[in-house]
């Protein structure tokens, strides 16, 4: 893990000494929007925007990263694969950060021909300062990263390309937005980012505080899913996609590697059946690569796992039957 300082790459782990043992995630900085072809060129918060069009954009991801995985799932479910190309990094994130070295398991980079992901950031801004993250949506027309915030890419993919694909599935229905936003805030803080705040903590009391919050939230989600098929009721929404990308990594990585070991997802009846239903949803399983996931965390994060040994297990049985049909609802809303 590293960062750019005035366009210069530095291989530097997180500075938890200055934060009292806390892991602090840096906010994404490249936040322009993509809008429908005939829409005003302005994002929802007044950001600059560019119009959607076929073959203009290319998505750079890691198959291991849960944040990038959100965008990959939306690209699949919204039928965007013919319109938005994709390159994925090597699972190894070593002294140069994410790489496109094909000999290490990357797809390579057919668009810009870079070897390292940080080079896309300096192509965008030669003096860029900040963490170098995935996903990143590249605009081939302007030659830059237009957006590197996964939550925003989920919403861009939700509607910007609909007139080009004819896919009007809506993962952020207007009447459910308040509920979805509240769920997202809780799940992000205590689960999505909570596993990192637990695993990257460097003081015992900090670790235990985030560990407790994580499992209190998982317990609450387990109770919620006893009577609700999806997090916002009978409809699959972006809230489910955002939780899924953490759940599928939990037993294989976070339980052991991040010391999140009070319970596995497999020990939660509702969460484990919910995880299997989402995995089996058409278009989602194909975005999941457990080999990349385990190799990345165990072999790259040598501050936590100095031997870089990648465990063989566990067996996740993601294709096993689930019981979610017992609850009403199976589907995705459509844009009005």
Protein backbone atom coordinates (compact mmCIF):
# COMPACT_ATOMS: atom_id res chain seq x y z
CA UNK A 1 0.00 0.00 0.00
CA UNK A 2 1.35 3.39 -0.91
CA UNK A 3 0.47 6.87 -2.02
CA UNK A 4 1.49 9.69 -4.30
CA UNK A 5 3.00 12.90 -2.95
CA UNK A 6 3.16 15.66 -5.57
CA UNK A 7 3.08 12.97 -8.25
CA UNK A 8 5.88 10.89 -6.71
CA UNK A 9 5.12 7.32 -5.60
CA UNK A 10 5.91 6.38 -1.99
CA UNK A 11 5.57 2.86 -0.62
CA UNK A 12 4.10 3.72 2.76
CA UNK A 13 1.77 1.82 5.11
CA UNK A 14 -0.92 3.62 7.09
CA UNK A 15 0.33 5.94 9.83
CA UNK A 16 -1.56 4.65 12.86
CA UNK A 17 1.01 6.08 15.30
CA UNK A 18 -0.34 9.59 14.69
CA UNK A 19 -3.98 8.48 15.12
CA UNK A 20 -3.72 6.59 18.40
CA UNK A 21 -3.78 3.17 16.76
CA UNK A 22 -6.77 3.99 14.52
CA UNK A 23 -6.99 3.25 10.81
CA UNK A 24 -8.28 6.34 9.02
CA UNK A 25 -9.51 5.88 5.45
CA UNK A 26 -8.81 8.73 3.08
CA UNK A 27 -11.77 10.05 1.10
CA UNK A 28 -11.75 9.69 -2.67
CA UNK A 29 -10.71 12.88 -4.46
CA UNK A 30 -11.69 12.44 -8.10
CA UNK A 31 -15.42 13.01 -8.02
CA UNK A 32 -16.74 14.18 -11.38
CA UNK A 33 -19.98 12.54 -12.53
CA UNK A 34 -21.31 10.75 -15.59
CA UNK A 35 -24.88 11.65 -16.58
CA UNK A 36 -27.38 10.44 -19.16
CA UNK A 37 -26.58 11.61 -22.71
CA UNK A 38 -29.34 14.22 -22.78
CA UNK A 39 -29.02 15.40 -19.15
CA UNK A 40 -27.48 18.67 -17.93
CA UNK A 41 -23.74 18.32 -17.35
CA UNK A 42 -23.93 18.50 -13.58
CA UNK A 43 -23.70 15.87 -10.85
CA UNK A 44 -26.15 15.54 -7.94
CA UNK A 45 -24.03 17.81 -5.74
CA UNK A 46 -23.11 20.26 -8.48
CA UNK A 47 -20.03 18.36 -9.66
CA UNK A 48 -18.76 18.71 -13.18
CA UNK A 49 -20.11 15.92 -15.37
CA UNK A 50 -19.61 14.27 -18.73
CA UNK A 51 -22.27 12.49 -20.81
CA UNK A 52 -22.54 8.70 -20.97
CA UNK A 53 -21.72 7.13 -24.29
CA UNK A 54 -20.71 3.72 -25.57
CA UNK A 55 -17.00 2.87 -25.44
CA UNK A 56 -16.00 6.16 -23.83
CA UNK A 57 -15.24 4.77 -20.36
CA UNK A 58 -12.99 2.05 -18.99
CA UNK A 59 -13.24 0.66 -15.46
CA UNK A 60 -10.03 -0.18 -13.60
CA UNK A 61 -10.54 -2.55 -10.68
CA UNK A 62 -9.01 -5.16 -8.45
CA UNK A 63 -10.92 -8.43 -8.22
CA UNK A 64 -9.77 -8.60 -4.60
CA UNK A 65 -11.01 -5.19 -3.44
CA UNK A 66 -14.51 -4.99 -1.91
CA UNK A 67 -14.92 -1.36 -2.97
CA UNK A 68 -14.08 -2.16 -6.59
CA UNK A 69 -16.32 -5.22 -6.39
CA UNK A 70 -19.36 -2.96 -5.89
CA UNK A 71 -18.73 -1.30 -9.25
CA UNK A 72 -18.07 -4.66 -10.94
CA UNK A 73 -21.42 -6.01 -9.75
CA UNK A 74 -23.29 -2.94 -10.99
CA UNK A 75 -21.50 -3.14 -14.34
CA UNK A 76 -22.75 -6.72 -14.64
CA UNK A 77 -26.31 -6.25 -13.38
CA UNK A 78 -26.89 -3.12 -15.45
CA UNK A 79 -25.73 -4.71 -18.70
CA UNK A 80 -22.77 -2.38 -19.10
CA UNK A 81 -20.09 -4.86 -20.13
CA UNK A 82 -20.51 -4.10 -23.88
CA UNK A 83 -20.28 -0.34 -23.21
CA UNK A 84 -17.71 -0.01 -20.40
CA UNK A 85 -14.47 -1.94 -20.74
CA UNK A 86 -12.64 -3.30 -17.71
CA UNK A 87 -9.08 -4.07 -16.63
CA UNK A 88 -8.13 -5.75 -13.36
CA UNK A 89 -4.93 -5.58 -11.36
CA UNK A 90 -2.72 -8.35 -10.11
CA UNK A 91 -3.89 -9.67 -6.73
CA UNK A 92 -0.48 -8.70 -5.35
CA UNK A 93 -0.14 -5.14 -4.08
CA UNK A 94 3.56 -4.80 -3.30
CA UNK A 95 6.12 -1.97 -3.32
CA UNK A 96 4.57 -0.27 -6.36
CA UNK A 97 0.96 -0.72 -5.22
CA UNK A 98 -1.66 -2.18 -7.54
CA UNK A 99 -0.04 -3.41 -10.76
CA UNK A 100 -1.07 -4.49 -14.25
CA UNK A 101 1.72 -7.06 -14.56
CA UNK A 102 0.19 -9.94 -16.47
CA UNK A 103 2.76 -12.40 -15.12
CA UNK A 104 1.32 -11.74 -11.65
CA UNK A 105 -2.28 -12.42 -12.67
CA UNK A 106 -3.46 -9.07 -14.05
CA UNK A 107 -5.47 -8.55 -17.21
CA UNK A 108 -2.93 -5.97 -18.33
CA UNK A 109 -3.90 -2.46 -19.40
CA UNK A 110 -4.91 -2.26 -23.08
CA UNK A 111 -6.03 1.38 -22.80
CA UNK A 112 -3.02 3.22 -21.41
CA UNK A 113 -0.40 0.48 -21.24
CA UNK A 114 0.62 1.36 -17.68
CA UNK A 115 2.43 -1.09 -15.43
CA UNK A 116 1.18 0.39 -12.16
CA UNK A 117 -2.16 1.80 -11.13
CA UNK A 118 -0.59 4.95 -9.67
CA UNK A 119 0.47 5.91 -13.20
CA UNK A 120 -3.22 6.43 -14.08
CA UNK A 121 -3.40 9.00 -11.30
CA UNK A 122 -0.38 10.93 -12.55
CA UNK A 123 -1.73 10.80 -16.10
CA UNK A 124 -4.82 12.48 -14.62
CA UNK A 125 -2.83 14.94 -12.51
CA UNK A 126 1.00 14.99 -12.66
CA UNK A 127 1.05 16.49 -9.15
CA UNK A 128 -1.55 14.20 -7.57
CA UNK A 129 -1.23 13.74 -3.81
CA UNK A 130 -3.16 11.02 -1.99
CA UNK A 131 -3.80 7.30 -1.73
CA UNK A 132 -4.04 5.38 -4.99
CA UNK A 133 -7.20 3.30 -4.95
CA UNK A 134 -9.53 1.16 -7.03
CA UNK A 135 -12.03 1.36 -8.61
CA UNK A 136 -11.26 4.15 -11.06
CA UNK A 137 -13.41 5.08 -14.04
CA UNK A 138 -11.25 6.28 -16.92
CA UNK A 139 -12.61 8.69 -19.53
CA UNK A 140 -10.88 7.82 -22.80
CA UNK A 141 -12.08 11.03 -24.44
CA UNK A 142 -10.50 13.40 -21.91
CA UNK A 143 -7.67 11.06 -20.85
CA UNK A 144 -8.27 11.07 -17.11
CA UNK A 145 -9.88 9.34 -14.16
CA UNK A 146 -13.32 10.89 -13.97
CA UNK A 147 -14.34 9.27 -10.67
CA UNK A 148 -12.65 7.00 -8.10
CA UNK A 149 -15.38 6.86 -5.44
CA UNK A 150 -17.02 3.42 -5.44
CA UNK A 151 -20.30 4.55 -3.88
CA UNK A 152 -20.70 7.18 -6.59
CA UNK A 153 -19.80 4.75 -9.37
CA UNK A 154 -22.59 2.47 -8.13
CA UNK A 155 -25.07 5.33 -8.60
CA UNK A 156 -23.60 6.45 -11.91
CA UNK A 157 -23.96 2.94 -13.28
CA UNK A 158 -27.49 2.75 -11.86
CA UNK A 159 -28.96 5.21 -14.35
CA UNK A 160 -26.50 7.14 -16.55
CA UNK A 161 -26.39 4.53 -19.33
CA UNK A 162 -30.02 3.37 -19.28
CA UNK A 163 -30.99 5.03 -22.56
CA UNK A 164 -28.07 3.27 -24.26
CA UNK A 165 -28.67 -0.21 -22.81
CA UNK A 166 -32.43 -0.27 -22.31
CA UNK A 167 -31.72 -1.63 -18.82
CA UNK A 168 -33.97 0.26 -16.41
CA UNK A 169 -33.31 -1.76 -13.24
CA UNK A 170 -33.21 0.63 -10.29
CA UNK A 171 -31.03 -0.18 -7.28
CA UNK A 172 -31.73 3.18 -5.62
CA UNK A 173 -35.51 3.70 -5.85
CA UNK A 174 -36.59 7.19 -4.89
CA UNK A 175 -39.10 6.09 -2.25
CA UNK A 176 -36.48 3.90 -0.51
CA UNK A 177 -33.57 6.33 -0.59
CA UNK A 178 -33.88 7.49 3.00
CA UNK A 179 -33.88 3.92 4.27
CA UNK A 180 -31.06 2.87 1.92
CA UNK A 181 -28.90 5.83 2.97
CA UNK A 182 -29.41 5.04 6.66
CA UNK A 183 -28.52 1.36 6.13
CA UNK A 184 -25.47 2.29 4.05
CA UNK A 185 -24.17 4.66 6.72
CA UNK A 186 -24.42 2.04 9.47
CA UNK A 187 -23.04 -0.81 7.38
CA UNK A 188 -20.20 1.28 5.97
CA UNK A 189 -18.99 2.48 9.36
CA UNK A 190 -19.30 -0.76 11.31
CA UNK A 191 -18.99 -3.53 8.70
CA UNK A 192 -17.51 -2.45 5.31
CA UNK A 193 -14.92 -0.19 6.91
CA UNK A 194 -15.35 -1.77 10.33
CA UNK A 195 -13.41 -4.89 9.37
CA UNK A 196 -10.51 -2.65 8.30
CA UNK A 197 -10.70 -0.54 11.45
CA UNK A 198 -10.53 -3.79 13.40
CA UNK A 199 -7.83 -5.48 11.33
CA UNK A 200 -5.56 -2.45 10.91
CA UNK A 201 -5.79 -1.29 14.55
CA UNK A 202 -2.42 -1.12 16.29
CA UNK A 203 -3.63 -0.73 19.87
CA UNK A 204 -5.57 -3.33 21.82
CA UNK A 205 -8.31 -1.01 23.05
CA UNK A 206 -8.89 0.36 19.54
CA UNK A 207 -9.10 -3.15 18.12
CA UNK A 208 -11.58 -4.28 20.78
CA UNK A 209 -13.81 -1.22 20.31
CA UNK A 210 -14.17 -1.78 16.57
CA UNK A 211 -14.45 -5.55 17.02
CA UNK A 212 -17.40 -5.03 19.37
CA UNK A 213 -19.12 -2.55 17.03
CA UNK A 214 -18.63 -4.91 14.07
CA UNK A 215 -20.30 -7.88 15.72
CA UNK A 216 -23.07 -5.80 17.26
CA UNK A 217 -23.90 -4.61 13.74
CA UNK A 218 -23.71 -8.13 12.26
CA UNK A 219 -26.01 -9.35 15.04
CA UNK A 220 -28.44 -6.54 14.20
CA UNK A 221 -28.34 -7.39 10.49
CA UNK A 222 -29.00 -11.04 11.34
CA UNK A 223 -32.15 -10.02 13.22
CA UNK A 224 -33.23 -7.69 10.40
CA UNK A 225 -32.90 -10.44 7.78
CA UNK A 226 -35.06 -12.82 9.80
CA UNK A 227 -38.16 -10.96 8.59
CA UNK A 228 -36.88 -9.03 5.57
CA UNK A 229 -35.60 -10.74 2.44
CA UNK A 230 -33.28 -7.84 1.61
CA UNK A 231 -31.99 -4.97 3.69
CA UNK A 232 -34.62 -2.50 2.44
CA UNK A 233 -37.48 -5.00 2.26
CA UNK A 234 -38.60 -7.07 -0.72
CA UNK A 235 -36.39 -5.36 -3.30
CA UNK A 236 -32.69 -5.92 -3.96
CA UNK A 237 -30.94 -2.52 -3.73
CA UNK A 238 -27.47 -1.01 -3.65
CA UNK A 239 -27.48 -1.53 0.13
CA UNK A 240 -27.39 -5.30 -0.44
CA UNK A 241 -24.58 -5.03 -2.98
CA UNK A 242 -22.50 -2.94 -0.59
CA UNK A 243 -22.95 -5.46 2.25
CA UNK A 244 -22.40 -8.48 0.00
CA UNK A 245 -18.85 -7.52 -0.98
CA UNK A 246 -17.81 -7.62 2.68
CA UNK A 247 -19.76 -10.76 3.56
CA UNK A 248 -18.20 -12.83 0.77
CA UNK A 249 -14.71 -11.95 2.06
CA UNK A 250 -15.49 -12.37 5.72
CA UNK A 251 -14.93 -16.06 6.46
CA UNK A 252 -12.08 -16.40 3.95
CA UNK A 253 -10.15 -13.30 5.02
CA UNK A 254 -11.51 -11.03 7.73
CA UNK A 255 -12.25 -13.76 10.28
CA UNK A 256 -8.60 -14.84 10.51
CA UNK A 257 -6.43 -12.24 8.81
CA UNK A 258 -8.18 -9.25 10.42
CA UNK A 259 -8.87 -11.04 13.74
CA UNK A 260 -12.64 -10.61 13.31
CA UNK A 261 -13.13 -14.00 14.90
CA UNK A 262 -16.10 -13.91 17.25
CA UNK A 263 -18.36 -15.57 14.67
CA UNK A 264 -18.14 -16.52 11.00
CA UNK A 265 -20.86 -15.53 8.56
CA UNK A 266 -21.48 -19.28 8.31
CA UNK A 267 -22.52 -19.16 11.99
CA UNK A 268 -25.34 -16.70 11.23
CA UNK A 269 -28.32 -18.57 9.71
CA UNK A 270 -29.93 -15.57 8.02
CA UNK A 271 -26.77 -13.82 6.88
CA UNK A 272 -25.29 -17.01 5.45
CA UNK A 273 -28.44 -17.88 3.47
CA UNK A 274 -28.70 -14.24 2.33
CA UNK A 275 -25.06 -14.34 1.18
CA UNK A 276 -25.71 -17.47 -0.87
CA UNK A 277 -28.83 -16.01 -2.48
CA UNK A 278 -26.96 -12.90 -3.58
CA UNK A 279 -23.99 -14.92 -4.83
CA UNK A 280 -26.36 -17.03 -6.92
CA UNK A 281 -28.17 -14.00 -8.37
CA UNK A 282 -27.55 -13.97 -12.16
CA UNK A 283 -24.53 -11.82 -12.92
CA UNK A 284 -23.02 -11.70 -9.43
CA UNK A 285 -21.05 -14.97 -9.08
CA UNK A 286 -19.06 -14.15 -12.21
CA UNK A 287 -17.68 -11.05 -10.47
CA UNK A 288 -16.29 -13.05 -7.53
CA UNK A 289 -12.73 -14.39 -7.50
CA UNK A 290 -11.79 -15.99 -4.17
CA UNK A 291 -8.27 -16.81 -5.37
CA UNK A 292 -7.56 -13.13 -6.08
CA UNK A 293 -9.19 -12.16 -2.79
CA UNK A 294 -7.16 -14.50 -0.58
CA UNK A 295 -3.89 -13.94 -2.44
CA UNK A 296 -4.24 -10.18 -2.18
CA UNK A 297 -4.88 -9.96 1.54
CA UNK A 298 -2.58 -12.69 2.80
CA UNK A 299 0.33 -12.20 0.38
CA UNK A 300 0.24 -8.40 0.06
CA UNK A 301 -0.42 -7.20 3.61
CA UNK A 302 2.81 -8.42 5.11
CA UNK A 303 2.58 -5.96 7.99
CA UNK A 304 -0.24 -8.21 9.22
CA UNK A 305 0.89 -11.56 7.73
CA UNK A 306 4.72 -11.45 7.49
CA UNK A 307 5.04 -14.98 6.10
CA UNK A 308 2.70 -14.19 3.16
CA UNK A 309 1.33 -17.74 3.42
CA UNK A 310 -2.11 -17.95 1.81
CA UNK A 311 -4.46 -20.37 3.61
CA UNK A 312 -6.05 -23.19 1.62
CA UNK A 313 -9.46 -22.98 3.29
CA UNK A 314 -12.17 -22.41 4.16
CA UNK A 315 -14.80 -24.15 2.08
CA UNK A 316 -17.59 -21.59 1.61
CA UNK A 317 -20.29 -23.67 -0.19
CA UNK A 318 -21.64 -20.56 -1.91
CA UNK A 319 -23.57 -22.68 -4.40
CA UNK A 320 -25.45 -24.55 -1.67
CA UNK A 321 -29.23 -24.05 -1.47
CA UNK A 322 -30.58 -21.11 0.50
CA UNK A 323 -33.89 -20.53 2.26
CA UNK A 324 -34.65 -16.94 1.31
CA UNK A 325 -37.70 -17.94 -0.74
CA UNK A 326 -39.56 -18.21 2.56
CA UNK A 327 -39.72 -14.40 2.62
CA UNK A 328 -41.73 -12.30 0.15
CA UNK A 329 -40.03 -10.51 -2.70
CA UNK A 330 -37.56 -11.42 -5.37
CA UNK A 331 -36.65 -8.74 -7.78
CA UNK A 332 -35.30 -5.32 -8.56
CA UNK A 333 -37.36 -2.20 -9.01
CA UNK A 334 -37.37 -0.41 -12.35
CA UNK A 335 -36.94 3.28 -12.99
CA UNK A 336 -40.28 5.02 -13.22
